[in-house]
Amino acid sequence: MANPEYPHKTAFYAYPDPIEGPKTSYNPPPGANPVLRGLPLVAAGWAAESIPPLAAYIWNNAGFGTVRKIKELDDYEPRYDPTVIPLDSGDGAGVNKPVGVSYRERKGPGSPNTSIGAYHAAYESGEVTPVDVVEVVLDLIDGDTKHKVAFTSIVREKVRVAAQASMRRYKEGKAKGILDGIPVAVKGM
């Protein structure tokens, strides 16, 4: 059921709960930097990028660093870019695109970007299995040099065994969660 206060939360998996910030005595400083447009803005941007002390002066003059000095914020754990997964809105116009098991059919301009929520729903319905998806992904990596160069190591048998185990869990109704059966590539250095 949708939360009337935060209706967008139901459209995402793992959407964080909002946390009210502390009551502070923070009063933002008045804008002290000049407003620039056009060529003066380009020149000032280049100068700020090229001369670090000038960038620091502009930053401090605008009061950007003052938020870090608010003592009431020290007790709050910072939240950086929470990972949320879009889910289907149920109205047919949601973020999920149809899941297809054939990359070749979907290749070309206008190919849908299938969401994790769409894969999860297709796995639950049995329309597609993790094994189907893994085989398509491995075929894509092997058959297309554009994608092949992105991988230095592919553990095909481990991937296939994991896909089989995931498929069994879905068939038994015991999936580990929304990410169960979703292929993942790990970027190395």
N, C-alpha and C. Protein backbone atom coordinates (compact mmCIF):
# COMPACT_ATOMS: atom_id res chain seq x y z
N MET A 1 0.85 -1.19 0.00
CA MET A 1 0.00 0.00 0.00
C MET A 1 0.88 1.23 0.00
N ALA A 2 0.49 2.23 -0.77
CA ALA A 2 1.28 3.45 -0.89
C ALA A 2 1.21 4.27 0.39
N ASN A 3 2.33 4.82 0.77
CA ASN A 3 2.39 5.72 1.90
C ASN A 3 1.95 7.09 1.40
N PRO A 4 0.84 7.65 1.91
CA PRO A 4 0.35 8.92 1.36
C PRO A 4 1.33 10.06 1.55
N GLU A 5 2.18 9.97 2.58
CA GLU A 5 3.13 11.04 2.82
C GLU A 5 4.30 10.97 1.83
N TYR A 6 4.69 9.75 1.44
CA TYR A 6 5.80 9.54 0.51
C TYR A 6 5.36 8.54 -0.57
N PRO A 7 4.50 8.97 -1.52
CA PRO A 7 3.97 8.02 -2.51
C PRO A 7 5.04 7.44 -3.43
N HIS A 8 6.14 8.13 -3.63
CA HIS A 8 7.18 7.64 -4.53
C HIS A 8 7.96 6.47 -3.93
N LYS A 9 7.87 6.24 -2.63
CA LYS A 9 8.61 5.14 -2.01
C LYS A 9 8.19 3.78 -2.55
N THR A 10 6.90 3.63 -2.92
CA THR A 10 6.43 2.33 -3.39
C THR A 10 6.94 2.02 -4.80
N ALA A 11 7.49 3.00 -5.50
CA ALA A 11 8.01 2.77 -6.85
C ALA A 11 9.45 2.30 -6.84
N PHE A 12 10.04 2.16 -5.63
CA PHE A 12 11.44 1.78 -5.52
C PHE A 12 11.64 0.73 -4.44
N TYR A 13 12.59 -0.17 -4.66
CA TYR A 13 13.01 -1.13 -3.65
C TYR A 13 14.18 -0.51 -2.90
N ALA A 14 14.20 -0.63 -1.60
CA ALA A 14 15.27 -0.12 -0.73
C ALA A 14 15.31 1.40 -0.70
N TYR A 15 14.16 2.07 -0.89
CA TYR A 15 14.14 3.52 -0.80
C TYR A 15 14.31 3.91 0.67
N PRO A 16 15.27 4.78 0.99
CA PRO A 16 15.52 5.09 2.41
C PRO A 16 14.42 5.96 3.00
N ASP A 17 14.19 5.78 4.30
CA ASP A 17 13.24 6.62 5.00
C ASP A 17 13.84 8.00 5.18
N PRO A 18 13.05 9.06 4.99
CA PRO A 18 13.59 10.40 5.20
C PRO A 18 13.85 10.63 6.69
N ILE A 19 14.89 11.35 6.99
CA ILE A 19 15.24 11.68 8.36
C ILE A 19 15.20 13.19 8.51
N GLU A 20 14.45 13.64 9.48
CA GLU A 20 14.38 15.08 9.70
C GLU A 20 15.70 15.57 10.28
N GLY A 21 16.21 16.62 9.73
CA GLY A 21 17.47 17.20 10.21
C GLY A 21 17.27 17.95 11.51
N PRO A 22 18.36 18.33 12.13
CA PRO A 22 18.27 19.03 13.41
C PRO A 22 17.82 20.47 13.24
N LYS A 23 17.29 21.00 14.29
CA LYS A 23 16.97 22.43 14.31
C LYS A 23 18.28 23.16 14.57
N THR A 24 18.66 24.02 13.66
CA THR A 24 19.94 24.71 13.81
C THR A 24 19.74 26.21 13.79
N SER A 25 20.80 26.88 14.15
CA SER A 25 20.78 28.34 14.11
C SER A 25 21.48 28.84 12.85
N TYR A 26 21.56 28.00 11.85
CA TYR A 26 22.27 28.35 10.62
C TYR A 26 21.53 29.44 9.87
N ASN A 27 22.22 30.50 9.58
CA ASN A 27 21.70 31.57 8.73
C ASN A 27 22.66 31.71 7.56
N PRO A 28 22.21 31.39 6.35
CA PRO A 28 23.12 31.46 5.22
C PRO A 28 23.62 32.89 5.01
N PRO A 29 24.90 33.00 4.65
CA PRO A 29 25.43 34.35 4.41
C PRO A 29 24.84 34.94 3.13
N PRO A 30 24.75 36.25 3.06
CA PRO A 30 24.25 36.85 1.82
C PRO A 30 25.23 36.59 0.69
N GLY A 31 24.71 36.50 -0.52
CA GLY A 31 25.56 36.25 -1.68
C GLY A 31 26.57 37.37 -1.87
N ALA A 32 27.85 37.03 -1.83
CA ALA A 32 28.89 38.04 -1.95
C ALA A 32 29.60 37.97 -3.30
N ASN A 33 29.46 36.87 -4.00
CA ASN A 33 30.11 36.76 -5.31
C ASN A 33 29.26 37.45 -6.37
N PRO A 34 29.89 38.07 -7.34
CA PRO A 34 29.11 38.74 -8.40
C PRO A 34 28.41 37.72 -9.30
N VAL A 35 27.32 38.14 -9.90
CA VAL A 35 26.61 37.31 -10.87
C VAL A 35 27.27 37.54 -12.23
N LEU A 36 27.69 36.45 -12.84
CA LEU A 36 28.37 36.55 -14.13
C LEU A 36 27.58 35.81 -15.20
N ARG A 37 27.62 36.34 -16.43
CA ARG A 37 26.97 35.70 -17.56
C ARG A 37 27.86 35.83 -18.79
N GLY A 38 27.70 34.90 -19.71
CA GLY A 38 28.40 35.01 -20.98
C GLY A 38 29.90 34.83 -20.87
N LEU A 39 30.65 35.66 -21.62
CA LEU A 39 32.10 35.56 -21.68
C LEU A 39 32.76 35.79 -20.32
N PRO A 40 32.31 36.75 -19.50
CA PRO A 40 32.92 36.89 -18.17
C PRO A 40 32.78 35.61 -17.33
N LEU A 41 31.66 34.89 -17.47
CA LEU A 41 31.48 33.63 -16.73
C LEU A 41 32.47 32.58 -17.22
N VAL A 42 32.68 32.51 -18.54
CA VAL A 42 33.63 31.55 -19.10
C VAL A 42 35.04 31.86 -18.59
N ALA A 43 35.42 33.13 -18.62
CA ALA A 43 36.75 33.54 -18.16
C ALA A 43 36.92 33.26 -16.66
N ALA A 44 35.90 33.58 -15.86
CA ALA A 44 35.97 33.34 -14.41
C ALA A 44 36.03 31.84 -14.11
N GLY A 45 35.27 31.04 -14.86
CA GLY A 45 35.30 29.60 -14.68
C GLY A 45 36.67 29.02 -15.00
N TRP A 46 37.27 29.50 -16.09
CA TRP A 46 38.62 29.04 -16.44
C TRP A 46 39.61 29.44 -15.36
N ALA A 47 39.51 30.70 -14.87
CA ALA A 47 40.43 31.17 -13.85
C ALA A 47 40.27 30.38 -12.55
N ALA A 48 39.03 30.10 -12.16
CA ALA A 48 38.79 29.35 -10.92
C ALA A 48 39.32 27.93 -11.05
N GLU A 49 39.23 27.35 -12.24
CA GLU A 49 39.72 25.99 -12.45
C GLU A 49 41.25 25.96 -12.50
N SER A 50 41.85 26.99 -13.05
CA SER A 50 43.29 27.01 -13.24
C SER A 50 44.07 27.53 -12.04
N ILE A 51 43.42 28.30 -11.19
CA ILE A 51 44.11 28.91 -10.05
C ILE A 51 43.43 28.43 -8.76
N PRO A 52 43.95 27.36 -8.15
CA PRO A 52 43.30 26.79 -6.96
C PRO A 52 43.02 27.78 -5.82
N PRO A 53 43.92 28.71 -5.51
CA PRO A 53 43.58 29.66 -4.43
C PRO A 53 42.35 30.52 -4.76
N LEU A 54 42.18 30.83 -6.04
CA LEU A 54 41.00 31.61 -6.45
C LEU A 54 39.73 30.78 -6.25
N ALA A 55 39.78 29.49 -6.60
CA ALA A 55 38.63 28.61 -6.40
C ALA A 55 38.28 28.51 -4.92
N ALA A 56 39.30 28.37 -4.05
CA ALA A 56 39.07 28.30 -2.61
C ALA A 56 38.46 29.60 -2.10
N TYR A 57 38.92 30.73 -2.61
CA TYR A 57 38.38 32.02 -2.18
C TYR A 57 36.90 32.14 -2.57
N ILE A 58 36.57 31.78 -3.80
CA ILE A 58 35.18 31.85 -4.27
C ILE A 58 34.30 30.92 -3.44
N TRP A 59 34.78 29.71 -3.17
CA TRP A 59 34.04 28.73 -2.37
C TRP A 59 33.73 29.30 -0.99
N ASN A 60 34.76 29.83 -0.32
CA ASN A 60 34.55 30.38 1.03
C ASN A 60 33.72 31.66 1.00
N ASN A 61 33.92 32.48 -0.01
CA ASN A 61 33.18 33.74 -0.12
C ASN A 61 31.69 33.49 -0.32
N ALA A 62 31.35 32.38 -1.01
CA ALA A 62 29.94 32.04 -1.23
C ALA A 62 29.33 31.38 -0.01
N GLY A 63 30.14 30.96 0.95
CA GLY A 63 29.63 30.35 2.17
C GLY A 63 29.35 28.87 2.05
N PHE A 64 29.89 28.21 1.02
CA PHE A 64 29.63 26.78 0.84
C PHE A 64 30.19 25.95 1.99
N GLY A 65 31.33 26.33 2.53
CA GLY A 65 31.96 25.56 3.58
C GLY A 65 31.30 25.72 4.94
N THR A 66 30.40 26.70 5.09
CA THR A 66 29.82 26.94 6.41
C THR A 66 28.89 25.82 6.86
N VAL A 67 28.30 25.08 5.95
CA VAL A 67 27.41 23.98 6.32
C VAL A 67 28.19 22.90 7.07
N ARG A 68 29.42 22.69 6.68
CA ARG A 68 30.26 21.69 7.34
C ARG A 68 30.59 22.08 8.78
N LYS A 69 30.45 23.33 9.11
CA LYS A 69 30.80 23.80 10.45
C LYS A 69 29.61 23.78 11.42
N ILE A 70 28.45 23.33 10.97
CA ILE A 70 27.28 23.28 11.85
C ILE A 70 27.43 22.09 12.79
N LYS A 71 27.61 22.37 14.07
CA LYS A 71 27.89 21.32 15.07
C LYS A 71 26.71 20.36 15.22
N GLU A 72 25.49 20.81 15.02
CA GLU A 72 24.33 19.94 15.17
C GLU A 72 24.32 18.79 14.15
N LEU A 73 25.05 18.93 13.07
CA LEU A 73 25.09 17.90 12.05
C LEU A 73 26.11 16.80 12.34
N ASP A 74 26.96 17.00 13.35
CA ASP A 74 27.99 16.01 13.66
C ASP A 74 27.42 14.66 14.06
N ASP A 75 26.21 14.64 14.65
CA ASP A 75 25.61 13.40 15.12
C ASP A 75 24.85 12.64 14.03
N TYR A 76 24.79 13.20 12.84
CA TYR A 76 24.05 12.56 11.75
C TYR A 76 24.99 11.82 10.83
N GLU A 77 24.62 10.57 10.52
CA GLU A 77 25.40 9.77 9.58
C GLU A 77 25.12 10.29 8.17
N PRO A 78 26.14 10.64 7.42
CA PRO A 78 25.88 11.14 6.06
C PRO A 78 25.34 10.03 5.17
N ARG A 79 24.46 10.39 4.25
CA ARG A 79 23.91 9.45 3.27
C ARG A 79 24.35 9.91 1.90
N TYR A 80 25.12 9.08 1.22
CA TYR A 80 25.62 9.41 -0.10
C TYR A 80 24.94 8.52 -1.12
N ASP A 81 24.22 9.11 -2.04
CA ASP A 81 23.64 8.40 -3.18
C ASP A 81 23.11 7.02 -2.81
N PRO A 82 22.00 6.95 -2.09
CA PRO A 82 21.48 5.63 -1.72
C PRO A 82 21.13 4.82 -2.96
N THR A 83 21.39 3.54 -2.90
CA THR A 83 21.09 2.66 -4.03
C THR A 83 19.64 2.22 -3.94
N VAL A 84 18.83 2.65 -4.88
CA VAL A 84 17.43 2.25 -4.94
C VAL A 84 17.18 1.62 -6.29
N ILE A 85 16.25 0.69 -6.34
CA ILE A 85 15.95 -0.04 -7.56
C ILE A 85 14.53 0.30 -7.99
N PRO A 86 14.35 0.85 -9.20
CA PRO A 86 13.00 1.16 -9.66
C PRO A 86 12.17 -0.10 -9.83
N LEU A 87 10.91 -0.02 -9.42
CA LEU A 87 9.97 -1.13 -9.59
C LEU A 87 8.87 -0.69 -10.53
N ASP A 88 8.08 -1.63 -11.00
CA ASP A 88 6.99 -1.33 -11.91
C ASP A 88 5.91 -0.57 -11.15
N SER A 89 5.39 0.47 -11.77
CA SER A 89 4.35 1.27 -11.13
C SER A 89 2.98 0.60 -11.22
N GLY A 90 2.83 -0.42 -12.07
CA GLY A 90 1.57 -1.14 -12.17
C GLY A 90 0.58 -0.53 -13.14
N ASP A 91 0.89 0.65 -13.67
CA ASP A 91 -0.05 1.30 -14.58
C ASP A 91 0.27 1.04 -16.05
N GLY A 92 1.27 0.19 -16.29
CA GLY A 92 1.64 -0.12 -17.66
C GLY A 92 2.60 0.88 -18.27
N ALA A 93 2.79 2.01 -17.61
CA ALA A 93 3.70 3.03 -18.14
C ALA A 93 4.88 3.22 -17.19
N GLY A 94 5.16 2.20 -16.38
CA GLY A 94 6.21 2.30 -15.38
C GLY A 94 7.59 2.23 -15.98
N VAL A 95 8.58 2.09 -15.10
CA VAL A 95 9.96 2.09 -15.53
C VAL A 95 10.38 0.76 -16.15
N ASN A 96 9.61 -0.28 -15.94
CA ASN A 96 10.01 -1.60 -16.43
C ASN A 96 9.66 -1.78 -17.89
N LYS A 97 10.59 -2.34 -18.60
CA LYS A 97 10.39 -2.68 -20.00
C LYS A 97 10.24 -4.19 -20.09
N PRO A 98 9.67 -4.71 -21.17
CA PRO A 98 9.54 -6.15 -21.29
C PRO A 98 10.90 -6.84 -21.28
N VAL A 99 10.94 -8.01 -20.70
CA VAL A 99 12.17 -8.79 -20.66
C VAL A 99 12.17 -9.72 -21.86
N GLY A 100 13.24 -9.70 -22.62
CA GLY A 100 13.37 -10.61 -23.75
C GLY A 100 14.61 -11.44 -23.54
N VAL A 101 14.57 -12.70 -23.92
CA VAL A 101 15.74 -13.53 -23.71
C VAL A 101 16.68 -13.51 -24.89
N SER A 102 16.28 -12.95 -26.00
CA SER A 102 17.15 -12.93 -27.16
C SER A 102 17.72 -11.54 -27.36
N TYR A 103 19.02 -11.41 -27.14
CA TYR A 103 19.68 -10.13 -27.36
C TYR A 103 19.59 -9.75 -28.83
N ARG A 104 19.70 -10.71 -29.69
CA ARG A 104 19.68 -10.43 -31.13
C ARG A 104 18.37 -9.78 -31.55
N GLU A 105 17.26 -10.18 -30.93
CA GLU A 105 15.97 -9.58 -31.28
C GLU A 105 15.89 -8.14 -30.79
N ARG A 106 16.59 -7.83 -29.71
CA ARG A 106 16.48 -6.51 -29.09
C ARG A 106 17.57 -5.57 -29.57
N LYS A 107 18.51 -6.07 -30.34
CA LYS A 107 19.66 -5.28 -30.74
C LYS A 107 19.24 -4.13 -31.66
N GLY A 108 19.93 -3.01 -31.55
CA GLY A 108 19.68 -1.90 -32.44
C GLY A 108 19.09 -0.71 -31.71
N PRO A 109 18.85 0.37 -32.45
CA PRO A 109 18.32 1.57 -31.83
C PRO A 109 16.95 1.31 -31.19
N GLY A 110 16.71 1.92 -30.08
CA GLY A 110 15.43 1.76 -29.40
C GLY A 110 15.33 0.50 -28.57
N SER A 111 16.43 -0.22 -28.36
CA SER A 111 16.39 -1.41 -27.52
C SER A 111 16.00 -1.00 -26.11
N PRO A 112 15.12 -1.75 -25.47
CA PRO A 112 14.72 -1.37 -24.12
C PRO A 112 15.84 -1.61 -23.13
N ASN A 113 15.93 -0.75 -22.16
CA ASN A 113 16.85 -0.94 -21.04
C ASN A 113 16.02 -1.60 -19.95
N THR A 114 16.19 -2.88 -19.80
CA THR A 114 15.36 -3.63 -18.87
C THR A 114 15.82 -3.40 -17.45
N SER A 115 14.87 -3.14 -16.56
CA SER A 115 15.20 -2.85 -15.17
C SER A 115 15.32 -4.13 -14.36
N ILE A 116 15.94 -4.01 -13.21
CA ILE A 116 16.06 -5.15 -12.29
C ILE A 116 14.67 -5.61 -11.87
N GLY A 117 13.76 -4.66 -11.64
CA GLY A 117 12.40 -5.02 -11.26
C GLY A 117 11.70 -5.85 -12.33
N ALA A 118 11.96 -5.53 -13.61
CA ALA A 118 11.35 -6.30 -14.70
C ALA A 118 11.91 -7.71 -14.75
N TYR A 119 13.23 -7.84 -14.56
CA TYR A 119 13.82 -9.18 -14.52
C TYR A 119 13.25 -9.98 -13.36
N HIS A 120 13.16 -9.36 -12.19
CA HIS A 120 12.64 -10.05 -11.01
C HIS A 120 11.21 -10.54 -11.27
N ALA A 121 10.39 -9.68 -11.84
CA ALA A 121 9.00 -10.06 -12.13
C ALA A 121 8.96 -11.20 -13.16
N ALA A 122 9.82 -11.15 -14.17
CA ALA A 122 9.86 -12.21 -15.19
C ALA A 122 10.35 -13.52 -14.59
N TYR A 123 11.31 -13.44 -13.68
CA TYR A 123 11.79 -14.66 -13.00
C TYR A 123 10.68 -15.27 -12.16
N GLU A 124 9.95 -14.41 -11.42
CA GLU A 124 8.88 -14.92 -10.56
C GLU A 124 7.75 -15.55 -11.37
N SER A 125 7.44 -14.97 -12.53
CA SER A 125 6.36 -15.50 -13.35
C SER A 125 6.80 -16.73 -14.16
N GLY A 126 8.11 -16.94 -14.28
CA GLY A 126 8.61 -18.06 -15.07
C GLY A 126 8.75 -17.73 -16.54
N GLU A 127 8.44 -16.49 -16.92
CA GLU A 127 8.56 -16.06 -18.32
C GLU A 127 10.01 -16.20 -18.80
N VAL A 128 10.94 -15.87 -17.93
CA VAL A 128 12.37 -15.95 -18.22
C VAL A 128 13.03 -16.52 -16.97
N THR A 129 14.13 -17.23 -17.14
CA THR A 129 14.86 -17.76 -15.99
C THR A 129 16.24 -17.11 -15.93
N PRO A 130 16.88 -17.14 -14.77
CA PRO A 130 18.24 -16.63 -14.68
C PRO A 130 19.19 -17.36 -15.64
N VAL A 131 18.94 -18.63 -15.89
CA VAL A 131 19.79 -19.39 -16.83
C VAL A 131 19.66 -18.80 -18.24
N ASP A 132 18.43 -18.46 -18.66
CA ASP A 132 18.23 -17.85 -19.97
C ASP A 132 19.02 -16.55 -20.09
N VAL A 133 18.92 -15.73 -19.06
CA VAL A 133 19.58 -14.42 -19.09
C VAL A 133 21.10 -14.59 -19.11
N VAL A 134 21.62 -15.49 -18.28
CA VAL A 134 23.07 -15.71 -18.25
C VAL A 134 23.59 -16.16 -19.61
N GLU A 135 22.87 -17.05 -20.27
CA GLU A 135 23.32 -17.52 -21.58
C GLU A 135 23.33 -16.38 -22.60
N VAL A 136 22.34 -15.52 -22.55
CA VAL A 136 22.30 -14.38 -23.46
C VAL A 136 23.46 -13.42 -23.16
N VAL A 137 23.71 -13.17 -21.87
CA VAL A 137 24.79 -12.26 -21.50
C VAL A 137 26.14 -12.84 -21.93
N LEU A 138 26.36 -14.13 -21.68
CA LEU A 138 27.63 -14.74 -22.10
C LEU A 138 27.77 -14.73 -23.62
N ASP A 139 26.68 -14.94 -24.33
CA ASP A 139 26.70 -14.88 -25.79
C ASP A 139 27.04 -13.46 -26.25
N LEU A 140 26.49 -12.50 -25.58
CA LEU A 140 26.76 -11.10 -25.91
C LEU A 140 28.24 -10.78 -25.71
N ILE A 141 28.79 -11.23 -24.60
CA ILE A 141 30.21 -10.97 -24.31
C ILE A 141 31.10 -11.68 -25.33
N ASP A 142 30.79 -12.93 -25.63
CA ASP A 142 31.62 -13.71 -26.55
C ASP A 142 31.49 -13.26 -28.00
N GLY A 143 30.31 -12.82 -28.39
CA GLY A 143 30.07 -12.57 -29.80
C GLY A 143 30.29 -11.15 -30.26
N ASP A 144 30.52 -10.23 -29.37
CA ASP A 144 30.61 -8.83 -29.76
C ASP A 144 31.90 -8.25 -29.19
N THR A 145 32.83 -7.90 -30.07
CA THR A 145 34.13 -7.41 -29.59
C THR A 145 34.01 -6.13 -28.79
N LYS A 146 32.97 -5.35 -29.04
CA LYS A 146 32.79 -4.11 -28.29
C LYS A 146 32.61 -4.42 -26.80
N HIS A 147 31.90 -5.49 -26.48
CA HIS A 147 31.67 -5.86 -25.09
C HIS A 147 32.78 -6.76 -24.56
N LYS A 148 33.37 -7.55 -25.42
CA LYS A 148 34.38 -8.51 -24.99
C LYS A 148 35.59 -7.82 -24.37
N VAL A 149 35.99 -6.67 -24.89
CA VAL A 149 37.17 -5.99 -24.39
C VAL A 149 36.98 -5.43 -22.98
N ALA A 150 35.75 -5.37 -22.52
CA ALA A 150 35.48 -4.85 -21.18
C ALA A 150 35.75 -5.88 -20.09
N PHE A 151 35.95 -7.14 -20.48
CA PHE A 151 36.11 -8.20 -19.49
C PHE A 151 37.50 -8.83 -19.61
N THR A 152 38.16 -8.97 -18.46
CA THR A 152 39.45 -9.64 -18.44
C THR A 152 39.32 -11.06 -17.93
N SER A 153 38.28 -11.32 -17.14
CA SER A 153 38.08 -12.65 -16.57
C SER A 153 36.59 -12.93 -16.48
N ILE A 154 36.19 -14.08 -17.02
CA ILE A 154 34.79 -14.49 -16.95
C ILE A 154 34.77 -15.91 -16.41
N VAL A 155 34.12 -16.10 -15.28
CA VAL A 155 34.05 -17.41 -14.65
C VAL A 155 32.75 -18.08 -15.07
N ARG A 156 32.72 -18.55 -16.30
CA ARG A 156 31.51 -19.07 -16.93
C ARG A 156 30.83 -20.18 -16.13
N GLU A 157 31.60 -21.16 -15.68
CA GLU A 157 30.97 -22.28 -14.97
C GLU A 157 30.37 -21.84 -13.63
N LYS A 158 31.07 -20.98 -12.92
CA LYS A 158 30.52 -20.48 -11.65
C LYS A 158 29.24 -19.68 -11.90
N VAL A 159 29.25 -18.89 -12.97
CA VAL A 159 28.07 -18.10 -13.32
C VAL A 159 26.89 -19.02 -13.66
N ARG A 160 27.16 -20.06 -14.43
CA ARG A 160 26.09 -20.99 -14.81
C ARG A 160 25.56 -21.76 -13.60
N VAL A 161 26.44 -22.17 -12.70
CA VAL A 161 26.00 -22.88 -11.49
C VAL A 161 25.14 -21.95 -10.62
N ALA A 162 25.58 -20.71 -10.48
CA ALA A 162 24.81 -19.74 -9.69
C ALA A 162 23.44 -19.48 -10.33
N ALA A 163 23.39 -19.41 -11.66
CA ALA A 163 22.12 -19.19 -12.35
C ALA A 163 21.18 -20.38 -12.15
N GLN A 164 21.73 -21.59 -12.20
CA GLN A 164 20.91 -22.79 -11.96
C GLN A 164 20.32 -22.77 -10.55
N ALA A 165 21.16 -22.41 -9.56
CA ALA A 165 20.70 -22.36 -8.17
C ALA A 165 19.62 -21.28 -8.01
N SER A 166 19.80 -20.16 -8.66
CA SER A 166 18.81 -19.09 -8.60
C SER A 166 17.50 -19.53 -9.24
N MET A 167 17.60 -20.21 -10.39
CA MET A 167 16.40 -20.69 -11.07
C MET A 167 15.61 -21.66 -10.17
N ARG A 168 16.33 -22.54 -9.47
CA ARG A 168 15.66 -23.47 -8.54
C ARG A 168 14.94 -22.70 -7.42
N ARG A 169 15.62 -21.68 -6.89
CA ARG A 169 15.00 -20.90 -5.81
C ARG A 169 13.72 -20.22 -6.31
N TYR A 170 13.76 -19.65 -7.50
CA TYR A 170 12.55 -19.00 -8.04
C TYR A 170 11.44 -20.02 -8.24
N LYS A 171 11.77 -21.20 -8.77
CA LYS A 171 10.75 -22.23 -8.99
C LYS A 171 10.12 -22.71 -7.68
N GLU A 172 10.92 -22.70 -6.61
CA GLU A 172 10.43 -23.11 -5.29
C GLU A 172 9.79 -21.95 -4.53
N GLY A 173 9.81 -20.75 -5.11
CA GLY A 173 9.25 -19.58 -4.43
C GLY A 173 10.10 -19.10 -3.28
N LYS A 174 11.41 -19.36 -3.33
CA LYS A 174 12.30 -19.00 -2.23
C LYS A 174 13.46 -18.11 -2.72
N ALA A 175 13.16 -17.19 -3.61
CA ALA A 175 14.20 -16.28 -4.10
C ALA A 175 14.79 -15.49 -2.93
N LYS A 176 16.07 -15.21 -3.00
CA LYS A 176 16.76 -14.50 -1.92
C LYS A 176 16.38 -13.02 -1.85
N GLY A 177 15.82 -12.50 -2.91
CA GLY A 177 15.45 -11.09 -2.95
C GLY A 177 15.39 -10.62 -4.39
N ILE A 178 15.23 -9.34 -4.56
CA ILE A 178 15.05 -8.77 -5.90
C ILE A 178 16.31 -8.90 -6.77
N LEU A 179 17.47 -9.02 -6.15
CA LEU A 179 18.71 -9.13 -6.92
C LEU A 179 19.09 -10.57 -7.24
N ASP A 180 18.34 -11.53 -6.73
CA ASP A 180 18.64 -12.94 -6.99
C ASP A 180 18.52 -13.23 -8.48
N GLY A 181 19.60 -13.72 -9.09
CA GLY A 181 19.58 -14.07 -10.51
C GLY A 181 19.95 -12.94 -11.44
N ILE A 182 20.27 -11.77 -10.91
CA ILE A 182 20.64 -10.64 -11.76
C ILE A 182 22.14 -10.72 -12.04
N PRO A 183 22.54 -10.80 -13.32
CA PRO A 183 23.98 -10.84 -13.62
C PRO A 183 24.66 -9.53 -13.21
N VAL A 184 25.87 -9.67 -12.69
CA VAL A 184 26.62 -8.50 -12.23
C VAL A 184 28.03 -8.58 -12.78
N ALA A 185 28.55 -7.46 -13.24
CA ALA A 185 29.94 -7.37 -13.66
C ALA A 185 30.67 -6.50 -12.64
N VAL A 186 31.83 -6.93 -12.20
CA VAL A 186 32.61 -6.18 -11.23
C VAL A 186 33.74 -5.48 -11.96
N LYS A 187 33.81 -4.17 -11.78
CA LYS A 187 34.84 -3.40 -12.45
C LYS A 187 36.12 -3.43 -11.62
N GLY A 188 37.20 -3.84 -12.24
CA GLY A 188 38.49 -3.88 -11.56
C GLY A 188 39.27 -2.62 -11.83
N MET A 189 40.46 -2.58 -11.29
CA MET A 189 41.28 -1.40 -11.49
C MET A 189 42.35 -1.68 -12.52
